[in-house]
Amino acid sequence: QERGADGELQTAAALETLGDRWVRFHDLRWPGRRLANIDHIVVGPSGVFVIDSKNWSGRVEVSGSVLR
């Protein structure tokens, strides 16, 4: 659980670099779900994005149109 929190903090820090045209919300309660939360919601000029943070290691790549 501590690793997950670290991943969320790293994501929040990265989202801060988006600039003033973006509004960021972190660690929000999921309505109607007692134990679930939404890690990040970002609202900006190109839309609304819901981000679930994970603290995984390894390589990230795009193959064709698939993120792996």
Protein backbone atom coordinates (compact mmCIF):
# COMPACT_ATOMS: atom_id res chain seq x y z
CA GLN A 1 0.00 0.00 0.00
CA GLU A 2 2.89 2.38 0.73
CA ARG A 3 4.30 1.75 -2.76
CA GLY A 4 0.93 2.66 -4.24
CA ALA A 5 0.84 5.93 -2.30
CA ASP A 6 4.34 6.72 -3.56
CA GLY A 7 3.18 6.14 -7.14
CA GLU A 8 0.23 8.50 -6.61
CA LEU A 9 2.54 11.20 -5.22
CA GLN A 10 4.87 10.86 -8.21
CA THR A 11 1.94 11.14 -10.61
CA ALA A 12 0.58 14.21 -8.78
CA ALA A 13 4.00 15.87 -9.04
CA ALA A 14 4.18 15.12 -12.78
CA LEU A 15 0.68 16.56 -13.32
CA GLU A 16 1.75 19.82 -11.68
CA THR A 17 3.94 20.50 -14.73
CA LEU A 18 0.86 20.83 -16.99
CA GLY A 19 0.48 24.56 -16.31
CA ASP A 20 -2.24 26.95 -15.23
CA ARG A 21 -4.78 25.96 -17.90
CA TRP A 22 -5.23 22.59 -16.20
CA VAL A 23 -7.12 21.88 -12.97
CA ARG A 24 -6.02 18.84 -11.01
CA PHE A 25 -7.88 16.85 -8.33
CA HIS A 26 -6.23 14.09 -6.33
CA ASP A 27 -7.42 11.19 -4.15
CA LEU A 28 -11.16 11.68 -4.54
CA ARG A 29 -13.85 9.49 -3.06
CA TRP A 30 -15.66 7.40 -5.68
CA PRO A 31 -19.37 8.24 -5.25
CA GLY A 32 -21.40 5.25 -4.13
CA ARG A 33 -18.32 3.12 -3.41
CA ARG A 34 -17.32 2.86 0.23
CA LEU A 35 -13.71 1.75 -0.25
CA ALA A 36 -12.84 2.99 -3.73
CA ASN A 37 -11.09 6.21 -4.66
CA ILE A 38 -10.16 8.05 -7.84
CA ASP A 39 -6.44 8.79 -7.85
CA HIS A 40 -6.45 11.83 -10.17
CA ILE A 41 -8.83 13.84 -12.33
CA VAL A 42 -7.36 16.42 -14.69
CA VAL A 43 -9.51 18.99 -16.53
CA GLY A 44 -8.05 21.14 -19.27
CA PRO A 45 -8.40 22.51 -22.79
CA SER A 46 -8.45 19.09 -24.44
CA GLY A 47 -10.81 17.34 -22.04
CA VAL A 48 -11.29 15.54 -18.75
CA PHE A 49 -8.93 12.71 -17.83
CA VAL A 50 -9.29 10.15 -15.04
CA ILE A 51 -5.94 8.63 -14.04
CA ASP A 52 -5.36 5.54 -11.91
CA SER A 53 -1.79 5.53 -10.60
CA LYS A 54 0.30 2.39 -10.19
CA ASN A 55 3.84 2.08 -8.90
CA TRP A 56 5.05 -0.57 -11.31
CA SER A 57 8.53 -1.04 -12.65
CA GLY A 58 9.53 -2.13 -16.10
CA ARG A 59 9.46 -0.87 -19.63
CA VAL A 60 6.56 1.03 -21.21
CA GLU A 61 6.20 0.88 -24.97
CA VAL A 62 3.65 1.44 -27.71
CA SER A 63 3.35 -1.36 -30.25
CA GLY A 64 1.01 -0.47 -33.09
CA SER A 65 -1.72 1.35 -31.22
CA VAL A 66 -1.35 -0.68 -28.00
CA LEU A 67 0.32 0.63 -24.85
CA ARG A 68 2.22 -2.14 -23.02
